Amino acid sequence: MSKVKLAIFDMAGTTVQDEREVEKCFFDAIKATNLDISSDKINSMMGWSKILVFETIWQEEIGENHPSYRAKVQESYDYFCHTLEAHYETNGAKPYDGVLDVFEYCRSQDIKIALTTGFYRKVTDIILSKLGWNKGLDSNYLNLTNTGGNIINCSISSSDVKNGRPAPEMIQLAIKKLNIPDSKSVVNLGDTPSDLQSASTADVLYSVGSLYGTHTETELDGHPHDEFITAPKQMIDIIHNLNN
């Protein structure tokens, strides 16, 4: 019997090509709302819920008890959202080479596919639509079978849970929605420290870090993981080996 019942993939930087456009949108919002923060700091928070990024930045800037704290957070976040939505609406999105081969392999092995993302639902929906990955999903972003020509079985965004990454809640919600027996039936692939942290806390069977996304091996190596890969198709061998 197969050990792996569910493969969970991060979106931007893991399945969807990321040419630092998300980081650029952050910096546009930071500049427009008179913040001063380093690129290293922003990079360290990639993969987080996007509202949490601005909450953290403004907390460090003025403190969360400052009377303008919540308004400042919302101003920066709204600017970021507008810029990010416009980017994906205009430019669309592309999967990394080999991602669709991995998805096809998972389907052939009756392994469910879930996508998680630090994006909120509106941007997630724009990206899924541009890629055609929303096909066959119901109003709960779910398809428990592989009928209807669907590409994935489940989509989880940071706005679907109380706490986004690095908390494990998106992984746990995917497990629950797809009726997976337990976390030890799950493999997780992501390209940020928060992806690896959430997989570790969720106690998945196998946690894989992507070195072709937004972070280097040096940046990821200090975080819990089982293996690093340099191309998506390497996931096929990993899953095959886990199941044999």
C-alpha atoms as a PDB file:
ATOM      1  CA  MET A   1       0.000   0.000   0.000  1.00  0.00           C
ATOM      2  CA  SER A   2       1.295   3.447  -0.898  1.00  0.00           C
ATOM      3  CA  LYS A   3       2.613   5.498   1.999  1.00  0.00           C
ATOM      4  CA  VAL A   4       2.048   8.811   0.218  1.00  0.00           C
ATOM      5  CA  LYS A   5      -1.614   9.787  -0.089  1.00  0.00           C
ATOM      6  CA  LEU A   6      -1.198  13.543  -0.498  1.00  0.00           C
ATOM      7  CA  ALA A   7       1.435  15.763  -2.110  1.00  0.00           C
ATOM      8  CA  ILE A   8       1.300  19.397  -1.018  1.00  0.00           C
ATOM      9  CA  PHE A   9       3.051  22.056  -3.063  1.00  0.00           C
ATOM     10  CA  ASP A  10       3.622  25.741  -2.399  1.00  0.00           C
ATOM     11  CA  MET A  11       2.559  27.989  -5.288  1.00  0.00           C
ATOM     12  CA  ALA A  12       4.844  30.963  -6.047  1.00  0.00           C
ATOM     13  CA  GLY A  13       8.482  29.896  -6.191  1.00  0.00           C
ATOM     14  CA  THR A  14       7.693  26.165  -6.132  1.00  0.00           C
ATOM     15  CA  THR A  15       5.069  25.338  -8.762  1.00  0.00           C
ATOM     16  CA  VAL A  16       4.556  28.820 -10.239  1.00  0.00           C
ATOM     17  CA  GLN A  17       7.550  30.724 -11.568  1.00  0.00           C
ATOM     18  CA  ASP A  18       8.658  33.574  -9.323  1.00  0.00           C
ATOM     19  CA  GLU A  19      10.972  36.151 -10.878  1.00  0.00           C
ATOM     20  CA  ARG A  20      11.007  38.160  -7.641  1.00  0.00           C
ATOM     21  CA  GLU A  21       7.815  39.944  -8.694  1.00  0.00           C
ATOM     22  CA  VAL A  22       6.231  39.334  -5.276  1.00  0.00           C
ATOM     23  CA  GLU A  23       9.265  40.832  -3.591  1.00  0.00           C
ATOM     24  CA  LYS A  24       9.092  43.792  -5.993  1.00  0.00           C
ATOM     25  CA  CYS A  25       5.441  44.369  -5.093  1.00  0.00           C
ATOM     26  CA  PHE A  26       6.418  44.388  -1.431  1.00  0.00           C
ATOM     27  CA  PHE A  27       9.076  47.009  -2.076  1.00  0.00           C
ATOM     28  CA  ASP A  28       6.674  49.139  -4.114  1.00  0.00           C
ATOM     29  CA  ALA A  29       4.280  49.126  -1.140  1.00  0.00           C
ATOM     30  CA  ILE A  30       7.081  49.783   1.336  1.00  0.00           C
ATOM     31  CA  LYS A  31       8.349  52.769  -0.648  1.00  0.00           C
ATOM     32  CA  ALA A  32       4.878  54.167  -1.249  1.00  0.00           C
ATOM     33  CA  THR A  33       4.000  54.036   2.464  1.00  0.00           C
ATOM     34  CA  ASN A  34       7.315  55.452   3.705  1.00  0.00           C
ATOM     35  CA  LEU A  35       8.839  52.348   5.255  1.00  0.00           C
ATOM     36  CA  ASP A  36      12.506  51.481   5.261  1.00  0.00           C
ATOM     37  CA  ILE A  37      13.393  47.784   5.283  1.00  0.00           C
ATOM     38  CA  SER A  38      16.134  45.652   3.752  1.00  0.00           C
ATOM     39  CA  SER A  39      15.675  43.101   0.972  1.00  0.00           C
ATOM     40  CA  ASP A  40      17.111  40.442   3.305  1.00  0.00           C
ATOM     41  CA  LYS A  41      14.359  41.138   5.823  1.00  0.00           C
ATOM     42  CA  ILE A  42      11.643  40.869   3.183  1.00  0.00           C
ATOM     43  CA  ASN A  43      13.164  37.665   1.811  1.00  0.00           C
ATOM     44  CA  SER A  44      13.171  36.125   5.295  1.00  0.00           C
ATOM     45  CA  MET A  45       9.386  36.584   5.459  1.00  0.00           C
ATOM     46  CA  MET A  46       8.538  35.211   1.998  1.00  0.00           C
ATOM     47  CA  GLY A  47       5.906  32.496   2.275  1.00  0.00           C
ATOM     48  CA  TRP A  48       4.216  34.181   5.231  1.00  0.00           C
ATOM     49  CA  SER A  49       0.656  35.452   5.128  1.00  0.00           C
ATOM     50  CA  LYS A  50       1.073  38.817   3.413  1.00  0.00           C
ATOM     51  CA  ILE A  51      -0.880  40.776   6.026  1.00  0.00           C
ATOM     52  CA  LEU A  52       1.407  39.271   8.698  1.00  0.00           C
ATOM     53  CA  VAL A  53       4.432  40.672   6.847  1.00  0.00           C
ATOM     54  CA  PHE A  54       3.129  44.218   7.120  1.00  0.00           C
ATOM     55  CA  GLU A  55       1.967  43.694  10.711  1.00  0.00           C
ATOM     56  CA  THR A  56       5.481  42.579  11.598  1.00  0.00           C
ATOM     57  CA  ILE A  57       7.173  45.460   9.764  1.00  0.00           C
ATOM     58  CA  TRP A  58       4.959  48.138  11.317  1.00  0.00           C
ATOM     59  CA  GLN A  59       5.191  46.539  14.749  1.00  0.00           C
ATOM     60  CA  GLU A  60       8.971  46.896  14.548  1.00  0.00           C
ATOM     61  CA  GLU A  61       8.653  50.416  13.112  1.00  0.00           C
ATOM     62  CA  ILE A  62       6.182  52.043  15.532  1.00  0.00           C
ATOM     63  CA  GLY A  63       4.872  49.296  17.847  1.00  0.00           C
ATOM     64  CA  GLU A  64       1.464  47.661  17.739  1.00  0.00           C
ATOM     65  CA  ASN A  65       0.154  49.967  20.509  1.00  0.00           C
ATOM     66  CA  HIS A  66       0.747  53.074  18.404  1.00  0.00           C
ATOM     67  CA  PRO A  67      -2.608  54.751  17.571  1.00  0.00           C
ATOM     68  CA  SER A  68      -1.784  54.662  13.847  1.00  0.00           C
ATOM     69  CA  TYR A  69      -0.511  51.057  13.819  1.00  0.00           C
ATOM     70  CA  ARG A  70      -3.566  49.340  12.338  1.00  0.00           C
ATOM     71  CA  ALA A  71      -4.170  52.104   9.780  1.00  0.00           C
ATOM     72  CA  LYS A  72      -0.529  51.975   8.655  1.00  0.00           C
ATOM     73  CA  VAL A  73      -0.667  48.201   8.280  1.00  0.00           C
ATOM     74  CA  GLN A  74      -3.836  48.433   6.212  1.00  0.00           C
ATOM     75  CA  GLU A  75      -2.453  51.215   4.003  1.00  0.00           C
ATOM     76  CA  SER A  76       0.694  49.223   3.154  1.00  0.00           C
ATOM     77  CA  TYR A  77      -1.233  45.991   2.686  1.00  0.00           C
ATOM     78  CA  ASP A  78      -3.851  47.592   0.429  1.00  0.00           C
ATOM     79  CA  TYR A  79      -1.140  49.100  -1.769  1.00  0.00           C
ATOM     80  CA  PHE A  80       0.611  45.731  -1.985  1.00  0.00           C
ATOM     81  CA  CYS A  81      -2.631  43.930  -2.857  1.00  0.00           C
ATOM     82  CA  HIS A  82      -3.497  46.388  -5.621  1.00  0.00           C
ATOM     83  CA  THR A  83      -0.001  46.098  -7.131  1.00  0.00           C
ATOM     84  CA  LEU A  84       0.106  42.305  -6.895  1.00  0.00           C
ATOM     85  CA  GLU A  85      -3.354  41.777  -8.365  1.00  0.00           C
ATOM     86  CA  ALA A  86      -2.546  44.115 -11.261  1.00  0.00           C
ATOM     87  CA  HIS A  87       0.690  42.232 -11.931  1.00  0.00           C
ATOM     88  CA  TYR A  88      -0.916  38.799 -12.221  1.00  0.00           C
ATOM     89  CA  GLU A  89      -3.957  40.086 -14.111  1.00  0.00           C
ATOM     90  CA  THR A  90      -1.634  41.711 -16.651  1.00  0.00           C
ATOM     91  CA  ASN A  91       1.217  39.217 -16.841  1.00  0.00           C
ATOM     92  CA  GLY A  92      -0.435  35.946 -15.924  1.00  0.00           C
ATOM     93  CA  ALA A  93       1.548  33.074 -14.412  1.00  0.00           C
ATOM     94  CA  LYS A  94       3.642  30.166 -15.672  1.00  0.00           C
ATOM     95  CA  PRO A  95       4.470  26.835 -14.040  1.00  0.00           C
ATOM     96  CA  TYR A  96       8.058  25.727 -13.690  1.00  0.00           C
ATOM     97  CA  ASP A  97       9.173  23.132 -16.224  1.00  0.00           C
ATOM     98  CA  GLY A  98       8.291  19.668 -14.999  1.00  0.00           C
ATOM     99  CA  VAL A  99       5.562  20.664 -12.557  1.00  0.00           C
ATOM    100  CA  LEU A 100       2.763  19.274 -14.731  1.00  0.00           C
ATOM    101  CA  ASP A 101       4.727  16.008 -15.101  1.00  0.00           C
ATOM    102  CA  VAL A 102       4.826  15.720 -11.312  1.00  0.00           C
ATOM    103  CA  PHE A 103       1.093  16.384 -11.093  1.00  0.00           C
ATOM    104  CA  GLU A 104       0.413  13.740 -13.751  1.00  0.00           C
ATOM    105  CA  TYR A 105       2.560  11.208 -11.895  1.00  0.00           C
ATOM    106  CA  CYS A 106       0.667  11.894  -8.668  1.00  0.00           C
ATOM    107  CA  ARG A 107      -2.665  11.395 -10.406  1.00  0.00           C
ATOM    108  CA  SER A 108      -1.427   8.126 -11.941  1.00  0.00           C
ATOM    109  CA  GLN A 109      -0.582   6.891  -8.443  1.00  0.00           C
ATOM    110  CA  ASP A 110      -3.898   8.060  -6.937  1.00  0.00           C
ATOM    111  CA  ILE A 111      -2.056  10.640  -4.848  1.00  0.00           C
ATOM    112  CA  LYS A 112      -4.066  13.783  -4.112  1.00  0.00           C
ATOM    113  CA  ILE A 113      -2.542  17.179  -5.002  1.00  0.00           C
ATOM    114  CA  ALA A 114      -2.993  20.285  -2.853  1.00  0.00           C
ATOM    115  CA  LEU A 115      -1.562  23.762  -3.386  1.00  0.00           C
ATOM    116  CA  THR A 116      -0.890  26.064  -0.438  1.00  0.00           C
ATOM    117  CA  THR A 117       0.108  29.701  -0.633  1.00  0.00           C
ATOM    118  CA  GLY A 118       0.827  32.757   1.453  1.00  0.00           C
ATOM    119  CA  PHE A 119      -1.343  34.690  -1.014  1.00  0.00           C
ATOM    120  CA  TYR A 120      -4.857  35.660   0.025  1.00  0.00           C
ATOM    121  CA  ARG A 121      -7.765  34.119  -1.867  1.00  0.00           C
ATOM    122  CA  LYS A 122      -8.313  36.807  -4.525  1.00  0.00           C
ATOM    123  CA  VAL A 123      -4.740  36.621  -5.854  1.00  0.00           C
ATOM    124  CA  THR A 124      -4.763  32.832  -5.513  1.00  0.00           C
ATOM    125  CA  ASP A 125      -7.871  32.708  -7.703  1.00  0.00           C
ATOM    126  CA  ILE A 126      -6.311  34.991 -10.320  1.00  0.00           C
ATOM    127  CA  ILE A 127      -3.258  32.724 -10.580  1.00  0.00           C
ATOM    128  CA  LEU A 128      -5.304  29.501 -10.666  1.00  0.00           C
ATOM    129  CA  SER A 129      -7.503  30.965 -13.400  1.00  0.00           C
ATOM    130  CA  LYS A 130      -4.560  32.157 -15.502  1.00  0.00           C
ATOM    131  CA  LEU A 131      -3.028  28.668 -15.297  1.00  0.00           C
ATOM    132  CA  GLY A 132      -6.312  26.802 -15.768  1.00  0.00           C
ATOM    133  CA  TRP A 133      -5.694  24.988 -12.495  1.00  0.00           C
ATOM    134  CA  ASN A 134      -9.119  25.926 -11.128  1.00  0.00           C
ATOM    135  CA  LYS A 135     -10.801  23.563 -13.595  1.00  0.00           C
ATOM    136  CA  GLY A 136     -12.961  20.947 -11.919  1.00  0.00           C
ATOM    137  CA  LEU A 137     -12.756  22.496  -8.442  1.00  0.00           C
ATOM    138  CA  ASP A 138     -15.997  23.199  -6.598  1.00  0.00           C
ATOM    139  CA  SER A 139     -16.907  26.333  -4.644  1.00  0.00           C
ATOM    140  CA  ASN A 140     -14.748  25.078  -1.776  1.00  0.00           C
ATOM    141  CA  TYR A 141     -11.747  24.741  -4.128  1.00  0.00           C
ATOM    142  CA  LEU A 142     -11.974  20.986  -3.828  1.00  0.00           C
ATOM    143  CA  ASN A 143     -12.248  17.905  -6.041  1.00  0.00           C
ATOM    144  CA  LEU A 144     -11.972  14.628  -4.176  1.00  0.00           C
ATOM    145  CA  THR A 145     -11.727  12.640  -7.404  1.00  0.00           C
ATOM    146  CA  ASN A 146      -9.931  13.260 -10.674  1.00  0.00           C
ATOM    147  CA  THR A 147     -13.025  13.858 -12.755  1.00  0.00           C
ATOM    148  CA  GLY A 148     -13.873  17.045 -14.600  1.00  0.00           C
ATOM    149  CA  GLY A 149     -10.392  17.409 -16.038  1.00  0.00           C
ATOM    150  CA  ASN A 150      -9.026  18.915 -12.850  1.00  0.00           C
ATOM    151  CA  ILE A 151      -5.283  19.559 -12.446  1.00  0.00           C
ATOM    152  CA  ILE A 152      -5.247  19.707  -8.638  1.00  0.00           C
ATOM    153  CA  ASN A 153      -7.537  18.394  -5.896  1.00  0.00           C
ATOM    154  CA  CYS A 154      -7.421  21.279  -3.446  1.00  0.00           C
ATOM    155  CA  SER A 155      -6.339  24.899  -3.138  1.00  0.00           C
ATOM    156  CA  ILE A 156      -5.592  26.461   0.259  1.00  0.00           C
ATOM    157  CA  SER A 157      -4.788  30.160   0.630  1.00  0.00           C
ATOM    158  CA  SER A 158      -3.595  32.001   3.731  1.00  0.00           C
ATOM    159  CA  SER A 159      -7.009  33.640   4.054  1.00  0.00           C
ATOM    160  CA  ASP A 160      -8.618  30.191   4.462  1.00  0.00           C
ATOM    161  CA  VAL A 161      -7.000  29.710   7.885  1.00  0.00           C
ATOM    162  CA  LYS A 162      -6.557  31.732  11.057  1.00  0.00           C
ATOM    163  CA  ASN A 163      -2.772  31.543  10.956  1.00  0.00           C
ATOM    164  CA  GLY A 164      -0.800  31.264   7.720  1.00  0.00           C
ATOM    165  CA  ARG A 165       2.762  30.012   7.477  1.00  0.00           C
ATOM    166  CA  PRO A 166       4.962  29.376   9.362  1.00  0.00           C
ATOM    167  CA  ALA A 167       2.019  27.866  11.284  1.00  0.00           C
ATOM    168  CA  PRO A 168       0.981  24.392  10.017  1.00  0.00           C
ATOM    169  CA  GLU A 169      -2.693  25.244   9.538  1.00  0.00           C
ATOM    170  CA  MET A 170      -2.786  25.271   5.717  1.00  0.00           C
ATOM    171  CA  ILE A 171      -1.246  21.793   5.576  1.00  0.00           C
ATOM    172  CA  GLN A 172      -3.634  20.585   8.274  1.00  0.00           C
ATOM    173  CA  LEU A 173      -6.638  22.017   6.428  1.00  0.00           C
ATOM    174  CA  ALA A 174      -5.610  20.296   3.186  1.00  0.00           C
ATOM    175  CA  ILE A 175      -5.302  16.987   5.074  1.00  0.00           C
ATOM    176  CA  LYS A 176      -8.753  17.459   6.587  1.00  0.00           C
ATOM    177  CA  LYS A 177     -10.494  18.539   3.376  1.00  0.00           C
ATOM    178  CA  LEU A 178      -9.029  15.658   1.371  1.00  0.00           C
ATOM    179  CA  ASN A 179      -9.807  13.022   4.014  1.00  0.00           C
ATOM    180  CA  ILE A 180      -6.173  11.953   4.365  1.00  0.00           C
ATOM    181  CA  PRO A 181      -5.651   9.430   7.216  1.00  0.00           C
ATOM    182  CA  ASP A 182      -2.846  11.331   8.938  1.00  0.00           C
ATOM    183  CA  SER A 183       0.104  13.637   8.342  1.00  0.00           C
ATOM    184  CA  LYS A 184       2.456  10.701   7.852  1.00  0.00           C
ATOM    185  CA  SER A 185       0.765  10.148   4.474  1.00  0.00           C
ATOM    186  CA  VAL A 186       1.872  13.584   3.261  1.00  0.00           C
ATOM    187  CA  VAL A 187       4.882  14.958   1.385  1.00  0.00           C
ATOM    188  CA  ASN A 188       5.400  18.719   1.247  1.00  0.00           C
ATOM    189  CA  LEU A 189       7.468  20.828  -1.175  1.00  0.00           C
ATOM    190  CA  GLY A 190       8.244  24.500  -0.653  1.00  0.00           C
ATOM    191  CA  ASP A 191      10.916  27.094  -1.349  1.00  0.00           C
ATOM    192  CA  THR A 192      10.929  29.235   1.806  1.00  0.00           C
ATOM    193  CA  PRO A 193      11.951  28.781   5.456  1.00  0.00           C
ATOM    194  CA  SER A 194       8.299  29.144   6.439  1.00  0.00           C
ATOM    195  CA  ASP A 195       7.361  26.250   4.113  1.00  0.00           C
ATOM    196  CA  LEU A 196       9.870  24.003   5.867  1.00  0.00           C
ATOM    197  CA  GLN A 197       8.826  25.226   9.318  1.00  0.00           C
ATOM    198  CA  SER A 198       5.139  24.580   8.647  1.00  0.00           C
ATOM    199  CA  ALA A 199       5.852  21.094   7.275  1.00  0.00           C
ATOM    200  CA  SER A 200       7.923  20.247  10.338  1.00  0.00           C
ATOM    201  CA  THR A 201       5.247  21.443  12.764  1.00  0.00           C
ATOM    202  CA  ALA A 202       2.584  19.559  10.785  1.00  0.00           C
ATOM    203  CA  ASP A 203       4.732  16.410  11.171  1.00  0.00           C
ATOM    204  CA  VAL A 204       4.533  15.344   7.530  1.00  0.00           C
ATOM    205  CA  LEU A 205       6.101  12.133   6.254  1.00  0.00           C
ATOM    206  CA  TYR A 206       8.677  13.911   4.098  1.00  0.00           C
ATOM    207  CA  SER A 207       9.577  17.586   3.706  1.00  0.00           C
ATOM    208  CA  VAL A 208      11.371  18.774   0.580  1.00  0.00           C
ATOM    209  CA  GLY A 209      12.943  22.164  -0.037  1.00  0.00           C
ATOM    210  CA  SER A 210      13.046  23.724  -3.494  1.00  0.00           C
ATOM    211  CA  LEU A 211      16.366  25.304  -4.460  1.00  0.00           C
ATOM    212  CA  TYR A 212      15.060  26.614  -7.794  1.00  0.00           C
ATOM    213  CA  GLY A 213      12.711  29.143  -6.126  1.00  0.00           C
ATOM    214  CA  THR A 214      13.328  32.250  -4.047  1.00  0.00           C
ATOM    215  CA  HIS A 215      15.835  30.911  -1.507  1.00  0.00           C
ATOM    216  CA  THR A 216      19.306  29.407  -1.646  1.00  0.00           C
ATOM    217  CA  GLU A 217      20.523  26.252   0.059  1.00  0.00           C
ATOM    218  CA  THR A 218      22.373  28.395   2.608  1.00  0.00           C
ATOM    219  CA  GLU A 219      19.157  30.235   3.451  1.00  0.00           C
ATOM    220  CA  LEU A 220      17.144  27.020   3.809  1.00  0.00           C
ATOM    221  CA  ASP A 221      19.693  24.660   5.322  1.00  0.00           C
ATOM    222  CA  GLY A 222      19.144  25.769   8.914  1.00  0.00           C
ATOM    223  CA  HIS A 223      15.480  24.768   8.788  1.00  0.00           C
ATOM    224  CA  PRO A 224      14.087  21.229   9.216  1.00  0.00           C
ATOM    225  CA  HIS A 225      13.885  19.238   5.988  1.00  0.00           C
ATOM    226  CA  ASP A 226      14.497  15.771   4.569  1.00  0.00           C
ATOM    227  CA  GLU A 227      15.902  16.677   1.167  1.00  0.00           C
ATOM    228  CA  PHE A 228      16.532  19.519  -1.280  1.00  0.00           C
ATOM    229  CA  ILE A 229      15.794  19.401  -5.005  1.00  0.00           C
ATOM    230  CA  THR A 230      16.952  21.581  -7.891  1.00  0.00           C
ATOM    231  CA  ALA A 231      14.126  20.748 -10.341  1.00  0.00           C
ATOM    232  CA  PRO A 232      10.438  19.866  -9.837  1.00  0.00           C
ATOM    233  CA  LYS A 233      10.634  16.492 -11.627  1.00  0.00           C
ATOM    234  CA  GLN A 234      12.906  15.168  -8.887  1.00  0.00           C
ATOM    235  CA  MET A 235       9.746  14.861  -6.804  1.00  0.00           C
ATOM    236  CA  ILE A 236       8.703  11.902  -8.934  1.00  0.00           C
ATOM    237  CA  ASP A 237      11.677   9.827  -7.788  1.00  0.00           C
ATOM    238  CA  ILE A 238      11.202  10.937  -4.189  1.00  0.00           C
ATOM    239  CA  ILE A 239       7.565   9.856  -4.108  1.00  0.00           C
ATOM    240  CA  HIS A 240       8.353   6.636  -5.981  1.00  0.00           C
ATOM    241  CA  ASN A 241      11.082   5.752  -3.471  1.00  0.00           C
ATOM    242  CA  LEU A 242       8.853   6.504  -0.490  1.00  0.00           C
ATOM    243  CA  ASN A 243       6.195   4.177  -1.851  1.00  0.00           C
ATOM    244  CA  ASN A 244       8.501   1.278  -2.730  1.00  0.00           C
END
